[in-house]
Amino acid sequence: MSLTTKQAYRQALKSINTVFKNDYPILNAAKQQIKTEIYKNSNLKNESEINEAITKLKEISKFLISNLVQGELKSDGKYFLNFHDKIELGDNESIKLNKNEMGSLSGKKGNSIRSIK
């Protein structure tokens, strides 16, 4: 396991530990999934395939830490959201923009994709 692979693995574990804190079944399942993928990719020899697998792991870690919030069901039937300090929070300014100003798939590209159907 190269140094960058170890760094990506550690980053993934930190992300999982932050996101799934106190949810032990999910925490353990996520750790097991990462280990499985690392072992599955341990036989890769091609440098580009190795870099692609490392990049994928880093992207997954970043997605988890910045976008996933755990909800906890309370006794009154309501959910409490457990936000952590690394979560990306929106600023509500984007809802004032029209679709052409937003970019991505919401504007021109999205229209061309929808017209293909």
N, C-alpha and C. Protein backbone atom coordinates (compact mmCIF):
# COMPACT_ATOMS: atom_id res chain seq x y z
N MET A 1 0.85 -1.17 0.00
CA MET A 1 0.00 0.00 0.00
C MET A 1 0.90 1.23 0.00
N SER A 2 0.73 2.07 -1.01
CA SER A 2 1.56 3.27 -1.12
C SER A 2 1.15 4.32 -0.10
N LEU A 3 1.97 5.34 0.03
CA LEU A 3 1.69 6.40 0.98
C LEU A 3 0.39 7.12 0.64
N THR A 4 0.17 7.42 -0.64
CA THR A 4 -1.07 8.11 -1.01
C THR A 4 -2.30 7.22 -0.78
N THR A 5 -2.13 5.93 -0.96
CA THR A 5 -3.23 5.00 -0.67
C THR A 5 -3.56 5.02 0.82
N LYS A 6 -2.52 5.01 1.64
CA LYS A 6 -2.73 5.06 3.09
C LYS A 6 -3.38 6.37 3.50
N GLN A 7 -2.96 7.47 2.86
CA GLN A 7 -3.56 8.77 3.17
C GLN A 7 -5.04 8.79 2.81
N ALA A 8 -5.37 8.25 1.64
CA ALA A 8 -6.77 8.20 1.21
C ALA A 8 -7.59 7.31 2.14
N TYR A 9 -7.00 6.20 2.56
CA TYR A 9 -7.67 5.28 3.49
C TYR A 9 -7.93 5.96 4.83
N ARG A 10 -6.92 6.65 5.36
CA ARG A 10 -7.09 7.36 6.63
C ARG A 10 -8.15 8.46 6.51
N GLN A 11 -8.12 9.17 5.40
CA GLN A 11 -9.10 10.23 5.17
C GLN A 11 -10.52 9.65 5.13
N ALA A 12 -10.66 8.51 4.47
CA ALA A 12 -11.97 7.85 4.39
C ALA A 12 -12.44 7.43 5.78
N LEU A 13 -11.53 6.87 6.57
CA LEU A 13 -11.91 6.46 7.93
C LEU A 13 -12.31 7.66 8.79
N LYS A 14 -11.58 8.76 8.67
CA LYS A 14 -11.94 9.97 9.42
C LYS A 14 -13.32 10.47 9.01
N SER A 15 -13.58 10.47 7.72
CA SER A 15 -14.89 10.92 7.22
C SER A 15 -16.01 10.04 7.76
N ILE A 16 -15.79 8.74 7.69
CA ILE A 16 -16.81 7.80 8.17
C ILE A 16 -17.03 7.96 9.67
N ASN A 17 -15.94 8.10 10.41
CA ASN A 17 -16.07 8.25 11.87
C ASN A 17 -16.81 9.53 12.23
N THR A 18 -16.62 10.58 11.46
CA THR A 18 -17.32 11.84 11.72
C THR A 18 -18.79 11.74 11.35
N VAL A 19 -19.06 11.24 10.17
CA VAL A 19 -20.42 11.21 9.65
C VAL A 19 -21.31 10.21 10.39
N PHE A 20 -20.78 9.03 10.69
CA PHE A 20 -21.58 7.97 11.30
C PHE A 20 -21.32 7.82 12.80
N LYS A 21 -20.86 8.87 13.43
CA LYS A 21 -20.58 8.85 14.88
C LYS A 21 -21.83 8.40 15.64
N ASN A 22 -21.64 7.49 16.55
CA ASN A 22 -22.70 6.94 17.42
C ASN A 22 -23.73 6.08 16.69
N ASP A 23 -23.52 5.79 15.42
CA ASP A 23 -24.39 4.87 14.69
C ASP A 23 -23.53 3.64 14.34
N TYR A 24 -23.32 2.80 15.33
CA TYR A 24 -22.32 1.74 15.23
C TYR A 24 -22.58 0.72 14.13
N PRO A 25 -23.82 0.29 13.89
CA PRO A 25 -24.01 -0.68 12.79
C PRO A 25 -23.61 -0.09 11.43
N ILE A 26 -23.99 1.15 11.17
CA ILE A 26 -23.65 1.79 9.90
C ILE A 26 -22.16 2.09 9.85
N LEU A 27 -21.60 2.53 10.96
CA LEU A 27 -20.17 2.83 11.05
C LEU A 27 -19.34 1.59 10.72
N ASN A 28 -19.69 0.47 11.32
CA ASN A 28 -18.96 -0.78 11.07
C ASN A 28 -19.14 -1.26 9.63
N ALA A 29 -20.36 -1.12 9.10
CA ALA A 29 -20.61 -1.54 7.71
C ALA A 29 -19.81 -0.68 6.73
N ALA A 30 -19.73 0.62 6.99
CA ALA A 30 -18.97 1.52 6.12
C ALA A 30 -17.48 1.20 6.17
N LYS A 31 -16.95 0.94 7.36
CA LYS A 31 -15.54 0.56 7.49
C LYS A 31 -15.26 -0.74 6.75
N GLN A 32 -16.16 -1.69 6.89
CA GLN A 32 -15.99 -2.98 6.21
C GLN A 32 -16.02 -2.80 4.70
N GLN A 33 -16.90 -1.92 4.22
CA GLN A 33 -16.99 -1.68 2.78
C GLN A 33 -15.69 -1.07 2.25
N ILE A 34 -15.12 -0.14 2.99
CA ILE A 34 -13.85 0.46 2.56
C ILE A 34 -12.74 -0.59 2.54
N LYS A 35 -12.67 -1.41 3.58
CA LYS A 35 -11.65 -2.47 3.61
C LYS A 35 -11.81 -3.41 2.43
N THR A 36 -13.05 -3.78 2.13
CA THR A 36 -13.32 -4.67 1.01
C THR A 36 -12.84 -4.07 -0.30
N GLU A 37 -13.13 -2.78 -0.51
CA GLU A 37 -12.70 -2.12 -1.74
C GLU A 37 -11.18 -1.99 -1.82
N ILE A 38 -10.54 -1.70 -0.70
CA ILE A 38 -9.08 -1.60 -0.67
C ILE A 38 -8.46 -2.95 -1.04
N TYR A 39 -8.95 -4.02 -0.43
CA TYR A 39 -8.42 -5.36 -0.74
C TYR A 39 -8.72 -5.75 -2.19
N LYS A 40 -9.89 -5.38 -2.67
CA LYS A 40 -10.26 -5.70 -4.05
C LYS A 40 -9.32 -5.00 -5.04
N ASN A 41 -8.90 -3.79 -4.71
CA ASN A 41 -8.02 -3.02 -5.59
C ASN A 41 -6.54 -3.23 -5.30
N SER A 42 -6.21 -4.08 -4.35
CA SER A 42 -4.81 -4.27 -3.97
C SER A 42 -3.99 -4.96 -5.06
N ASN A 43 -4.64 -5.61 -6.00
CA ASN A 43 -3.91 -6.30 -7.07
C ASN A 43 -3.72 -5.43 -8.31
N LEU A 44 -4.15 -4.17 -8.26
CA LEU A 44 -3.96 -3.28 -9.40
C LEU A 44 -2.48 -2.98 -9.61
N LYS A 45 -2.04 -3.07 -10.84
CA LYS A 45 -0.63 -2.82 -11.17
C LYS A 45 -0.46 -1.57 -12.02
N ASN A 46 -1.46 -1.27 -12.83
CA ASN A 46 -1.41 -0.12 -13.71
C ASN A 46 -1.50 1.17 -12.89
N GLU A 47 -0.56 2.07 -13.11
CA GLU A 47 -0.49 3.32 -12.32
C GLU A 47 -1.76 4.16 -12.48
N SER A 48 -2.31 4.21 -13.68
CA SER A 48 -3.51 5.02 -13.89
C SER A 48 -4.72 4.41 -13.16
N GLU A 49 -4.81 3.09 -13.12
CA GLU A 49 -5.90 2.44 -12.39
C GLU A 49 -5.77 2.68 -10.89
N ILE A 50 -4.55 2.65 -10.39
CA ILE A 50 -4.31 2.90 -8.96
C ILE A 50 -4.70 4.33 -8.62
N ASN A 51 -4.26 5.27 -9.45
CA ASN A 51 -4.60 6.68 -9.21
C ASN A 51 -6.10 6.92 -9.30
N GLU A 52 -6.77 6.23 -10.21
CA GLU A 52 -8.21 6.36 -10.36
C GLU A 52 -8.93 5.83 -9.10
N ALA A 53 -8.47 4.71 -8.57
CA ALA A 53 -9.07 4.15 -7.36
C ALA A 53 -8.84 5.07 -6.16
N ILE A 54 -7.65 5.65 -6.06
CA ILE A 54 -7.35 6.58 -4.96
C ILE A 54 -8.21 7.83 -5.07
N THR A 55 -8.33 8.36 -6.29
CA THR A 55 -9.16 9.55 -6.51
C THR A 55 -10.61 9.26 -6.16
N LYS A 56 -11.09 8.10 -6.55
CA LYS A 56 -12.48 7.72 -6.24
C LYS A 56 -12.70 7.67 -4.72
N LEU A 57 -11.76 7.09 -3.99
CA LEU A 57 -11.87 7.01 -2.54
C LEU A 57 -11.86 8.40 -1.91
N LYS A 58 -11.00 9.27 -2.40
CA LYS A 58 -10.94 10.64 -1.89
C LYS A 58 -12.23 11.40 -2.17
N GLU A 59 -12.80 11.21 -3.36
CA GLU A 59 -14.05 11.87 -3.71
C GLU A 59 -15.20 11.38 -2.85
N ILE A 60 -15.23 10.09 -2.59
CA ILE A 60 -16.27 9.53 -1.72
C ILE A 60 -16.15 10.11 -0.32
N SER A 61 -14.92 10.20 0.19
CA SER A 61 -14.69 10.76 1.52
C SER A 61 -15.16 12.20 1.58
N LYS A 62 -14.81 12.97 0.56
CA LYS A 62 -15.20 14.39 0.53
C LYS A 62 -16.72 14.51 0.46
N PHE A 63 -17.36 13.69 -0.36
CA PHE A 63 -18.82 13.73 -0.48
C PHE A 63 -19.48 13.41 0.86
N LEU A 64 -19.02 12.36 1.50
CA LEU A 64 -19.61 11.96 2.78
C LEU A 64 -19.49 13.07 3.82
N ILE A 65 -18.29 13.62 3.95
CA ILE A 65 -18.04 14.59 5.02
C ILE A 65 -18.75 15.91 4.75
N SER A 66 -18.95 16.27 3.50
CA SER A 66 -19.53 17.58 3.23
C SER A 66 -21.03 17.55 2.93
N ASN A 67 -21.60 16.38 2.69
CA ASN A 67 -23.01 16.33 2.27
C ASN A 67 -23.92 15.46 3.12
N LEU A 68 -23.37 14.58 3.93
CA LEU A 68 -24.22 13.63 4.64
C LEU A 68 -24.46 14.07 6.08
N VAL A 69 -25.72 14.10 6.46
CA VAL A 69 -26.10 14.44 7.84
C VAL A 69 -26.92 13.29 8.38
N GLN A 70 -26.59 12.86 9.58
CA GLN A 70 -27.35 11.78 10.21
C GLN A 70 -28.55 12.34 10.94
N GLY A 71 -29.66 11.66 10.82
CA GLY A 71 -30.86 12.02 11.55
C GLY A 71 -31.12 11.01 12.64
N GLU A 72 -31.62 11.50 13.75
CA GLU A 72 -31.91 10.63 14.89
C GLU A 72 -33.38 10.78 15.25
N LEU A 73 -34.12 9.68 15.27
CA LEU A 73 -35.53 9.70 15.60
C LEU A 73 -35.69 9.88 17.10
N LYS A 74 -36.42 10.90 17.47
CA LYS A 74 -36.67 11.18 18.90
C LYS A 74 -37.98 10.53 19.32
N SER A 75 -38.21 10.48 20.60
CA SER A 75 -39.40 9.81 21.14
C SER A 75 -40.70 10.50 20.73
N ASP A 76 -40.64 11.79 20.38
CA ASP A 76 -41.85 12.50 19.96
C ASP A 76 -42.17 12.30 18.49
N GLY A 77 -41.39 11.47 17.79
CA GLY A 77 -41.63 11.17 16.39
C GLY A 77 -40.92 12.12 15.43
N LYS A 78 -40.22 13.09 15.94
CA LYS A 78 -39.49 14.04 15.11
C LYS A 78 -38.04 13.60 14.99
N TYR A 79 -37.39 14.06 13.92
CA TYR A 79 -35.99 13.73 13.70
C TYR A 79 -35.11 14.90 14.11
N PHE A 80 -34.02 14.58 14.77
CA PHE A 80 -32.99 15.56 15.12
C PHE A 80 -31.82 15.34 14.19
N LEU A 81 -31.41 16.40 13.48
CA LEU A 81 -30.29 16.28 12.54
C LEU A 81 -28.99 16.60 13.25
N ASN A 82 -28.05 15.68 13.14
CA ASN A 82 -26.74 15.83 13.79
C ASN A 82 -25.75 16.45 12.82
N PHE A 83 -25.73 17.78 12.75
CA PHE A 83 -24.77 18.48 11.90
C PHE A 83 -23.40 18.46 12.55
N HIS A 84 -22.37 18.32 11.74
CA HIS A 84 -21.00 18.42 12.24
C HIS A 84 -20.35 19.64 11.61
N ASP A 85 -19.17 19.99 12.05
CA ASP A 85 -18.55 21.24 11.63
C ASP A 85 -18.05 21.24 10.18
N LYS A 86 -17.99 20.10 9.53
CA LYS A 86 -17.47 20.04 8.16
C LYS A 86 -18.56 19.96 7.10
N ILE A 87 -19.81 20.03 7.50
CA ILE A 87 -20.92 19.92 6.56
C ILE A 87 -21.04 21.21 5.75
N GLU A 88 -21.31 21.09 4.46
CA GLU A 88 -21.53 22.26 3.61
C GLU A 88 -22.96 22.73 3.80
N LEU A 89 -23.11 23.96 4.19
CA LEU A 89 -24.43 24.53 4.35
C LEU A 89 -24.66 25.55 3.24
N GLY A 90 -25.82 25.51 2.63
CA GLY A 90 -26.16 26.48 1.59
C GLY A 90 -26.48 27.83 2.20
N ASP A 91 -26.53 28.84 1.36
CA ASP A 91 -26.80 30.18 1.87
C ASP A 91 -28.12 30.76 1.36
N ASN A 92 -28.92 29.98 0.67
CA ASN A 92 -30.22 30.38 0.14
C ASN A 92 -30.13 31.42 -0.96
N GLU A 93 -28.95 31.89 -1.32
CA GLU A 93 -28.82 32.85 -2.41
C GLU A 93 -29.07 32.17 -3.75
N SER A 94 -28.77 30.89 -3.85
CA SER A 94 -28.92 30.20 -5.13
C SER A 94 -30.38 30.05 -5.54
N ILE A 95 -31.32 30.11 -4.62
CA ILE A 95 -32.73 29.98 -5.02
C ILE A 95 -33.23 31.24 -5.70
N LYS A 96 -32.49 32.33 -5.60
CA LYS A 96 -32.86 33.56 -6.29
C LYS A 96 -32.41 33.56 -7.74
N LEU A 97 -31.49 32.66 -8.10
CA LEU A 97 -30.95 32.60 -9.45
C LEU A 97 -31.91 31.84 -10.37
N ASN A 98 -31.94 32.25 -11.65
CA ASN A 98 -32.73 31.44 -12.58
C ASN A 98 -31.86 30.29 -13.08
N LYS A 99 -32.44 29.37 -13.80
CA LYS A 99 -31.73 28.15 -14.19
C LYS A 99 -30.52 28.43 -15.06
N ASN A 100 -30.57 29.43 -15.91
CA ASN A 100 -29.44 29.73 -16.79
C ASN A 100 -28.25 30.26 -16.02
N GLU A 101 -28.47 30.90 -14.89
CA GLU A 101 -27.39 31.45 -14.09
C GLU A 101 -26.74 30.40 -13.19
N MET A 102 -27.45 29.32 -12.92
CA MET A 102 -26.96 28.32 -11.98
C MET A 102 -25.88 27.44 -12.58
N GLY A 103 -25.91 27.18 -13.87
CA GLY A 103 -24.93 26.30 -14.48
C GLY A 103 -25.28 24.85 -14.25
N SER A 104 -24.31 23.99 -14.41
CA SER A 104 -24.47 22.56 -14.24
C SER A 104 -25.59 22.03 -15.12
N LEU A 105 -26.37 21.10 -14.63
CA LEU A 105 -27.45 20.49 -15.42
C LEU A 105 -28.76 21.23 -15.30
N SER A 106 -28.78 22.33 -14.54
CA SER A 106 -30.04 23.04 -14.38
C SER A 106 -30.31 24.03 -15.51
N GLY A 107 -29.29 24.40 -16.25
CA GLY A 107 -29.45 25.43 -17.28
C GLY A 107 -29.42 24.86 -18.67
N LYS A 108 -28.57 25.45 -19.52
CA LYS A 108 -28.51 25.09 -20.93
C LYS A 108 -28.18 23.62 -21.14
N LYS A 109 -27.20 23.12 -20.39
CA LYS A 109 -26.83 21.72 -20.54
C LYS A 109 -28.00 20.82 -20.19
N GLY A 110 -28.70 21.16 -19.13
CA GLY A 110 -29.85 20.36 -18.72
C GLY A 110 -30.93 20.33 -19.77
N ASN A 111 -31.15 21.49 -20.43
CA ASN A 111 -32.16 21.55 -21.48
C ASN A 111 -31.78 20.67 -22.65
N SER A 112 -30.48 20.66 -23.03
CA SER A 112 -30.07 19.84 -24.16
C SER A 112 -30.15 18.35 -23.81
N ILE A 113 -29.89 18.01 -22.58
CA ILE A 113 -30.01 16.61 -22.16
C ILE A 113 -31.47 16.18 -22.16
N ARG A 114 -32.35 17.07 -21.65
CA ARG A 114 -33.77 16.74 -21.62
C ARG A 114 -34.35 16.59 -23.02
N SER A 115 -33.84 17.37 -23.99
CA SER A 115 -34.37 17.31 -25.34
C SER A 115 -33.97 16.02 -26.07
N ILE A 116 -32.94 15.33 -25.58
CA ILE A 116 -32.49 14.08 -26.20
C ILE A 116 -33.51 12.97 -25.97
N LYS A 117 -34.18 13.02 -24.84
CA LYS A 117 -35.11 11.93 -24.48
C LYS A 117 -36.16 11.75 -25.49
